[in-house]
Amino acid sequence: MLYAIISEDKPDSLQRRLTARPAHLARLQELQNQGRLVLAGPHPAIDSEDPGEAGFTGSLVVAEFDDLLSAQQWAEADPYHAAEVYANVIVKPFRKVLP
């Protein structure tokens, strides 16, 4: 089943995000290589592809996991979580309708 992992960044976490980004992307690449990643990306803090110093307000990952517990455990092991980038993480089932 698909799960949405919706994360909200802590204020002033851009530098921690940038430091942890390579490890974060490696985990996402692993999901993609396994054919389980639907989409992933950050929420820019401003209306721009490259928000620069404004940074990001959070992230969204939609991926396939065996169950809710597995999705939650994956989210908790995210390098951004360990680097204290995230203030809050919500994991919930997701049903893709379109496209």
N, C-alpha and C. Protein backbone atom coordinates (compact mmCIF):
# COMPACT_ATOMS: atom_id res chain seq x y z
N MET A 1 0.84 -1.18 0.00
CA MET A 1 0.00 0.00 0.00
C MET A 1 0.89 1.25 0.00
N LEU A 2 0.33 2.34 -0.52
CA LEU A 2 1.05 3.60 -0.52
C LEU A 2 0.83 4.35 0.79
N TYR A 3 1.86 5.10 1.18
CA TYR A 3 1.79 5.93 2.38
C TYR A 3 2.38 7.30 2.07
N ALA A 4 1.75 8.33 2.64
CA ALA A 4 2.27 9.69 2.53
C ALA A 4 3.02 10.02 3.82
N ILE A 5 4.21 10.49 3.66
CA ILE A 5 5.03 10.94 4.80
C ILE A 5 5.15 12.45 4.64
N ILE A 6 4.47 13.16 5.53
CA ILE A 6 4.38 14.62 5.46
C ILE A 6 5.16 15.19 6.63
N SER A 7 6.24 15.89 6.32
CA SER A 7 7.14 16.39 7.35
C SER A 7 7.15 17.91 7.37
N GLU A 8 7.22 18.46 8.56
CA GLU A 8 7.29 19.91 8.75
C GLU A 8 8.64 20.25 9.37
N ASP A 9 9.35 21.19 8.75
CA ASP A 9 10.67 21.58 9.24
C ASP A 9 10.59 22.46 10.48
N LYS A 10 11.61 22.36 11.32
CA LYS A 10 11.78 23.29 12.43
C LYS A 10 12.25 24.63 11.85
N PRO A 11 11.97 25.72 12.54
CA PRO A 11 12.51 27.01 12.08
C PRO A 11 14.04 26.97 12.07
N ASP A 12 14.61 27.69 11.14
CA ASP A 12 16.08 27.83 11.05
C ASP A 12 16.81 26.49 10.94
N SER A 13 16.25 25.57 10.19
CA SER A 13 16.87 24.24 10.05
C SER A 13 17.56 24.04 8.70
N LEU A 14 17.66 25.09 7.89
CA LEU A 14 18.20 24.94 6.55
C LEU A 14 19.61 24.35 6.55
N GLN A 15 20.49 24.81 7.40
CA GLN A 15 21.86 24.30 7.39
C GLN A 15 21.90 22.81 7.78
N ARG A 16 21.09 22.42 8.75
CA ARG A 16 21.02 21.00 9.14
C ARG A 16 20.47 20.17 7.99
N ARG A 17 19.48 20.72 7.28
CA ARG A 17 18.89 20.04 6.12
C ARG A 17 19.96 19.83 5.05
N LEU A 18 20.71 20.86 4.73
CA LEU A 18 21.74 20.76 3.69
C LEU A 18 22.82 19.76 4.07
N THR A 19 23.20 19.71 5.32
CA THR A 19 24.22 18.77 5.78
C THR A 19 23.75 17.32 5.67
N ALA A 20 22.49 17.07 6.01
CA ALA A 20 21.95 15.71 6.00
C ALA A 20 21.40 15.28 4.64
N ARG A 21 21.34 16.21 3.69
CA ARG A 21 20.70 15.93 2.40
C ARG A 21 21.28 14.73 1.65
N PRO A 22 22.60 14.56 1.53
CA PRO A 22 23.11 13.40 0.78
C PRO A 22 22.60 12.07 1.34
N ALA A 23 22.59 11.91 2.65
CA ALA A 23 22.11 10.65 3.25
C ALA A 23 20.61 10.50 3.05
N HIS A 24 19.88 11.60 3.14
CA HIS A 24 18.44 11.59 2.92
C HIS A 24 18.13 11.14 1.48
N LEU A 25 18.84 11.73 0.51
CA LEU A 25 18.62 11.38 -0.89
C LEU A 25 19.01 9.93 -1.19
N ALA A 26 20.03 9.43 -0.53
CA ALA A 26 20.45 8.04 -0.74
C ALA A 26 19.34 7.07 -0.34
N ARG A 27 18.65 7.37 0.76
CA ARG A 27 17.53 6.50 1.18
C ARG A 27 16.38 6.56 0.19
N LEU A 28 16.11 7.76 -0.34
CA LEU A 28 15.06 7.90 -1.35
C LEU A 28 15.44 7.17 -2.63
N GLN A 29 16.71 7.25 -3.01
CA GLN A 29 17.19 6.55 -4.20
C GLN A 29 17.01 5.04 -4.04
N GLU A 30 17.24 4.55 -2.84
CA GLU A 30 17.04 3.12 -2.57
C GLU A 30 15.57 2.73 -2.80
N LEU A 31 14.65 3.55 -2.29
CA LEU A 31 13.22 3.28 -2.54
C LEU A 31 12.93 3.30 -4.04
N GLN A 32 13.50 4.27 -4.75
CA GLN A 32 13.26 4.36 -6.18
C GLN A 32 13.82 3.13 -6.90
N ASN A 33 15.01 2.70 -6.53
CA ASN A 33 15.61 1.52 -7.15
C ASN A 33 14.77 0.27 -6.92
N GLN A 34 14.05 0.24 -5.81
CA GLN A 34 13.17 -0.89 -5.49
C GLN A 34 11.80 -0.76 -6.15
N GLY A 35 11.57 0.34 -6.86
CA GLY A 35 10.29 0.56 -7.53
C GLY A 35 9.17 0.95 -6.57
N ARG A 36 9.52 1.46 -5.40
CA ARG A 36 8.52 1.76 -4.37
C ARG A 36 8.23 3.25 -4.20
N LEU A 37 9.03 4.12 -4.82
CA LEU A 37 8.86 5.56 -4.66
C LEU A 37 7.94 6.13 -5.73
N VAL A 38 6.90 6.82 -5.30
CA VAL A 38 5.99 7.48 -6.24
C VAL A 38 6.46 8.90 -6.49
N LEU A 39 6.76 9.63 -5.41
CA LEU A 39 7.29 10.99 -5.54
C LEU A 39 7.89 11.42 -4.21
N ALA A 40 8.77 12.40 -4.30
CA ALA A 40 9.39 12.93 -3.09
C ALA A 40 9.93 14.32 -3.39
N GLY A 41 9.85 15.19 -2.41
CA GLY A 41 10.43 16.52 -2.59
C GLY A 41 10.10 17.44 -1.43
N PRO A 42 10.81 18.57 -1.40
CA PRO A 42 10.61 19.54 -0.33
C PRO A 42 9.54 20.57 -0.68
N HIS A 43 9.08 21.28 0.34
CA HIS A 43 8.16 22.40 0.19
C HIS A 43 8.97 23.69 0.36
N PRO A 44 9.25 24.42 -0.73
CA PRO A 44 9.98 25.68 -0.59
C PRO A 44 9.21 26.66 0.30
N ALA A 45 9.95 27.43 1.08
CA ALA A 45 9.33 28.39 1.99
C ALA A 45 8.74 29.59 1.26
N ILE A 46 9.19 29.80 0.02
CA ILE A 46 8.65 30.88 -0.81
C ILE A 46 8.26 30.31 -2.16
N ASP A 47 7.54 31.08 -2.94
CA ASP A 47 7.06 30.63 -4.24
C ASP A 47 8.19 30.68 -5.26
N SER A 48 9.10 29.69 -5.16
CA SER A 48 10.27 29.65 -6.02
C SER A 48 10.82 28.24 -6.07
N GLU A 49 11.31 27.83 -7.24
CA GLU A 49 11.97 26.53 -7.37
C GLU A 49 13.20 26.46 -6.48
N ASP A 50 13.93 27.57 -6.39
CA ASP A 50 15.12 27.65 -5.55
C ASP A 50 14.91 28.75 -4.52
N PRO A 51 14.49 28.37 -3.30
CA PRO A 51 14.17 29.39 -2.30
C PRO A 51 15.39 30.03 -1.63
N GLY A 52 16.58 29.57 -1.96
CA GLY A 52 17.79 30.14 -1.38
C GLY A 52 17.76 30.13 0.13
N GLU A 53 18.11 31.24 0.74
CA GLU A 53 18.19 31.34 2.20
C GLU A 53 16.83 31.20 2.88
N ALA A 54 15.73 31.37 2.13
CA ALA A 54 14.40 31.20 2.73
C ALA A 54 14.19 29.75 3.15
N GLY A 55 14.85 28.84 2.45
CA GLY A 55 14.80 27.43 2.84
C GLY A 55 13.50 26.73 2.51
N PHE A 56 13.16 25.78 3.35
CA PHE A 56 12.01 24.90 3.12
C PHE A 56 11.16 24.81 4.38
N THR A 57 9.90 24.47 4.17
CA THR A 57 9.00 24.32 5.32
C THR A 57 8.74 22.86 5.64
N GLY A 58 9.20 21.95 4.80
CA GLY A 58 8.98 20.53 5.05
C GLY A 58 9.20 19.71 3.80
N SER A 59 8.72 18.47 3.85
CA SER A 59 8.91 17.53 2.74
C SER A 59 7.69 16.63 2.60
N LEU A 60 7.57 16.05 1.42
CA LEU A 60 6.53 15.06 1.15
C LEU A 60 7.17 13.87 0.46
N VAL A 61 6.88 12.68 0.97
CA VAL A 61 7.30 11.44 0.33
C VAL A 61 6.06 10.57 0.20
N VAL A 62 5.82 10.03 -1.00
CA VAL A 62 4.77 9.05 -1.20
C VAL A 62 5.45 7.79 -1.72
N ALA A 63 5.32 6.72 -0.97
CA ALA A 63 6.02 5.48 -1.33
C ALA A 63 5.23 4.27 -0.84
N GLU A 64 5.60 3.12 -1.38
CA GLU A 64 4.94 1.86 -1.02
C GLU A 64 5.68 1.19 0.14
N PHE A 65 4.91 0.77 1.12
CA PHE A 65 5.43 0.02 2.26
C PHE A 65 4.48 -1.13 2.55
N ASP A 66 4.96 -2.13 3.29
CA ASP A 66 4.13 -3.29 3.61
C ASP A 66 2.94 -2.92 4.48
N ASP A 67 3.15 -1.96 5.39
CA ASP A 67 2.08 -1.57 6.31
C ASP A 67 2.44 -0.23 6.94
N LEU A 68 1.50 0.31 7.71
CA LEU A 68 1.70 1.62 8.34
C LEU A 68 2.91 1.62 9.26
N LEU A 69 3.08 0.57 10.05
CA LEU A 69 4.22 0.50 10.96
C LEU A 69 5.54 0.58 10.21
N SER A 70 5.65 -0.13 9.09
CA SER A 70 6.88 -0.09 8.28
C SER A 70 7.14 1.31 7.75
N ALA A 71 6.10 1.99 7.32
CA ALA A 71 6.25 3.36 6.82
C ALA A 71 6.69 4.30 7.94
N GLN A 72 6.11 4.13 9.11
CA GLN A 72 6.48 4.96 10.27
C GLN A 72 7.93 4.72 10.67
N GLN A 73 8.35 3.47 10.67
CA GLN A 73 9.72 3.14 11.03
C GLN A 73 10.70 3.71 10.02
N TRP A 74 10.35 3.65 8.74
CA TRP A 74 11.21 4.22 7.70
C TRP A 74 11.33 5.72 7.93
N ALA A 75 10.22 6.40 8.19
CA ALA A 75 10.23 7.84 8.42
C ALA A 75 11.07 8.21 9.64
N GLU A 76 10.97 7.45 10.69
CA GLU A 76 11.72 7.73 11.92
C GLU A 76 13.23 7.56 11.72
N ALA A 77 13.63 6.76 10.75
CA ALA A 77 15.04 6.52 10.48
C ALA A 77 15.63 7.51 9.47
N ASP A 78 14.82 8.46 9.01
CA ASP A 78 15.29 9.45 8.04
C ASP A 78 16.42 10.29 8.62
N PRO A 79 17.49 10.51 7.87
CA PRO A 79 18.58 11.36 8.35
C PRO A 79 18.13 12.77 8.73
N TYR A 80 17.10 13.30 8.09
CA TYR A 80 16.58 14.61 8.48
C TYR A 80 16.00 14.56 9.89
N HIS A 81 15.38 13.45 10.22
CA HIS A 81 14.84 13.29 11.58
C HIS A 81 15.98 13.27 12.59
N ALA A 82 17.01 12.49 12.30
CA ALA A 82 18.16 12.40 13.20
C ALA A 82 18.90 13.74 13.32
N ALA A 83 18.90 14.53 12.25
CA ALA A 83 19.60 15.82 12.25
C ALA A 83 18.73 16.94 12.83
N GLU A 84 17.58 16.57 13.32
CA GLU A 84 16.64 17.53 13.93
C GLU A 84 16.20 18.62 12.96
N VAL A 85 15.98 18.21 11.70
CA VAL A 85 15.41 19.12 10.71
C VAL A 85 13.89 19.20 10.91
N TYR A 86 13.28 18.07 11.21
CA TYR A 86 11.82 18.00 11.28
C TYR A 86 11.29 18.30 12.68
N ALA A 87 10.24 19.12 12.71
CA ALA A 87 9.51 19.41 13.95
C ALA A 87 8.39 18.40 14.13
N ASN A 88 7.83 17.94 13.00
CA ASN A 88 6.68 17.05 13.06
C ASN A 88 6.65 16.19 11.80
N VAL A 89 6.28 14.92 11.97
CA VAL A 89 6.15 14.01 10.84
C VAL A 89 4.84 13.24 10.98
N ILE A 90 4.05 13.28 9.92
CA ILE A 90 2.79 12.53 9.88
C ILE A 90 2.93 11.46 8.81
N VAL A 91 2.55 10.25 9.15
CA VAL A 91 2.56 9.14 8.19
C VAL A 91 1.15 8.60 8.12
N LYS A 92 0.60 8.55 6.91
CA LYS A 92 -0.75 8.02 6.79
C LYS A 92 -0.94 7.33 5.45
N PRO A 93 -1.89 6.39 5.40
CA PRO A 93 -2.15 5.69 4.14
C PRO A 93 -2.56 6.68 3.05
N PHE A 94 -2.22 6.33 1.84
CA PHE A 94 -2.51 7.17 0.68
C PHE A 94 -3.04 6.28 -0.45
N ARG A 95 -4.13 6.70 -1.04
CA ARG A 95 -4.69 5.95 -2.17
C ARG A 95 -4.61 6.83 -3.41
N LYS A 96 -3.78 6.45 -4.35
CA LYS A 96 -3.62 7.20 -5.60
C LYS A 96 -4.84 6.97 -6.48
N VAL A 97 -5.44 8.05 -6.95
CA VAL A 97 -6.59 7.97 -7.84
C VAL A 97 -6.20 8.40 -9.25
N LEU A 98 -5.49 9.52 -9.37
CA LEU A 98 -5.09 10.04 -10.68
C LEU A 98 -3.62 10.44 -10.63
N PRO A 99 -2.91 10.51 -11.67
CA PRO A 99 -3.25 9.99 -12.99
C PRO A 99 -3.12 8.48 -13.02
